[in-house]
Protein backbone atom coordinates (compact mmCIF):
# COMPACT_ATOMS: atom_id res chain seq x y z
CA MET A 1 -25.12 13.76 -4.98
CA PHE A 2 -22.83 13.15 -2.02
CA TYR A 3 -24.40 15.78 0.21
CA GLU A 4 -27.86 14.26 -0.29
CA LYS A 5 -26.79 10.89 1.18
CA SER A 6 -26.86 9.96 4.84
CA TRP A 7 -23.69 8.68 6.52
CA GLU A 8 -25.37 5.30 6.84
CA GLN A 9 -26.03 5.17 3.09
CA ILE A 10 -22.43 6.21 2.32
CA HIS A 11 -21.12 3.54 4.69
CA GLN A 12 -23.35 0.90 3.12
CA GLU A 13 -22.26 1.80 -0.43
CA LEU A 14 -18.56 1.87 0.49
CA SER A 15 -18.89 -1.46 2.32
CA ALA A 16 -20.47 -3.29 -0.62
CA PRO A 17 -18.43 -6.24 -1.95
CA PHE A 18 -16.26 -5.60 -5.00
CA SER A 19 -16.92 -7.56 -8.18
CA HIS A 20 -14.55 -10.37 -9.10
CA GLU A 21 -13.20 -8.23 -11.97
CA ASP A 22 -11.78 -5.80 -9.38
CA VAL A 23 -9.85 -8.52 -7.51
CA GLU A 24 -6.37 -9.57 -8.59
CA TRP A 25 -3.96 -12.17 -7.23
CA LYS A 26 -0.25 -12.09 -6.49
CA ILE A 27 2.28 -14.53 -5.08
CA GLN A 28 3.11 -13.52 -1.50
CA THR A 29 5.64 -16.22 -0.57
CA VAL A 30 7.26 -19.21 -2.22
CA SER A 31 8.83 -22.23 -0.54
CA LYS A 32 12.60 -22.64 -0.74
CA ASP A 33 12.31 -25.42 -3.30
CA LYS A 34 9.78 -23.30 -5.26
CA SER A 35 7.28 -26.15 -5.29
CA ARG A 36 4.64 -24.30 -3.22
CA GLY A 37 3.51 -20.76 -2.76
CA LEU A 38 0.93 -18.55 -1.09
CA ALA A 39 -1.26 -16.40 -3.34
CA VAL A 40 -3.18 -13.48 -1.86
CA ALA A 41 -6.11 -11.56 -3.30
CA TYR A 42 -6.25 -7.78 -3.37
CA VAL A 43 -8.56 -5.10 -4.70
CA THR A 44 -7.00 -2.86 -7.33
CA ALA A 45 -6.39 0.81 -6.59
CA ARG A 46 -8.44 1.73 -9.64
CA ALA A 47 -11.45 -0.15 -8.24
CA ILE A 48 -11.17 1.72 -4.95
CA GLN A 49 -10.88 5.07 -6.76
CA ASN A 50 -13.90 4.24 -8.90
CA ARG A 51 -15.91 3.25 -5.80
CA LEU A 52 -15.05 6.51 -4.03
CA ASP A 53 -15.90 8.53 -7.14
CA ALA A 54 -19.26 6.77 -7.47
CA VAL A 55 -20.24 7.05 -3.80
CA VAL A 56 -18.98 10.49 -2.74
CA GLY A 57 -17.95 12.12 -6.03
CA ALA A 58 -14.47 12.65 -7.45
CA GLN A 59 -14.28 16.18 -6.05
CA ASN A 60 -15.08 15.10 -2.46
CA TRP A 61 -12.08 12.89 -1.63
CA LYS A 62 -8.33 12.92 -2.17
CA PRO A 63 -5.44 10.57 -1.49
CA VAL A 64 -3.23 11.54 1.44
CA PHE A 65 0.12 9.83 1.97
CA ARG A 66 1.72 9.73 5.40
CA GLN A 67 5.00 8.14 6.43
CA TRP A 68 4.21 5.03 8.48
CA HIS A 69 7.67 3.61 8.95
CA THR A 70 11.09 4.85 9.98
CA VAL A 71 14.02 5.11 7.58
CA THR A 72 17.24 4.05 9.31
CA ASP A 73 20.93 3.55 8.65
CA ARG A 74 22.62 0.19 9.25
CA ASP A 75 22.93 0.93 12.98
CA GLY A 76 19.23 1.66 13.35
CA ASN A 77 19.59 5.45 13.61
CA PRO A 78 16.67 7.37 12.06
CA LEU A 79 17.44 9.34 8.88
CA PRO A 80 15.56 12.33 7.51
CA PRO A 81 12.95 11.29 4.88
CA ASN A 82 14.82 13.13 2.09
CA PHE A 83 18.25 11.67 2.94
CA ALA A 84 18.77 9.67 -0.27
CA PRO A 85 16.86 8.01 -3.11
CA SER A 86 14.64 5.25 -1.78
CA LYS A 87 16.56 2.54 -3.66
CA PHE A 88 19.47 3.07 -1.26
CA LEU A 89 17.46 3.04 1.96
CA MET A 90 16.58 0.26 4.34
CA THR A 91 13.12 0.61 5.81
CA THR A 92 11.59 -0.83 8.94
CA GLY A 93 7.88 -1.38 9.12
CA THR A 94 7.81 -3.29 5.86
CA SER A 95 10.00 -6.30 5.20
CA GLY A 96 13.23 -4.78 6.49
CA TRP A 97 15.09 -5.69 3.30
CA LYS A 98 18.76 -4.97 2.89
CA ASN A 99 20.32 -5.38 -0.52
CA GLY A 100 23.78 -4.95 -2.01
CA ARG A 101 23.26 -1.24 -2.62
CA CYS A 102 22.55 -0.69 1.08
CA ARG A 103 25.77 -2.45 2.04
CA LYS A 104 27.71 -0.61 -0.68
CA TYR A 105 26.65 2.79 0.64
CA GLY A 106 26.98 1.87 4.31
CA LEU A 107 23.29 1.86 5.08
C-alpha cells in the first residue's frame, strides 16, 4: 500500500528506468531535402500511468492540466482561453505555428 511506503521508497520506485517496451520513437525534425532527420525517444503516457498506479495506487494520484502558454492574436495580444476552437488559434510557448486558418480568421 502507498501509505506503508517511505518517501524514499516511492522516489526510488518512480525513478526506476522504464523497460524498452514503454519507449517509443518519433521524428522530431527533417532536413529540407528530407534525406536526414532527428528521431527522439519518449515514454508513453500509458507507461507513466501504469507506473503511478503501481507505486502509489490508482486512487492516490490524478492528472492536472494547467495552461503553460499564452494564446494570442496576430498582433500578440492575449486572448481568453475560451476565445475560439484551438484549431484557429496561434500559440506561443510551443512552436508558434501559424497556418492558413489563422490568417483567414485574422489571428
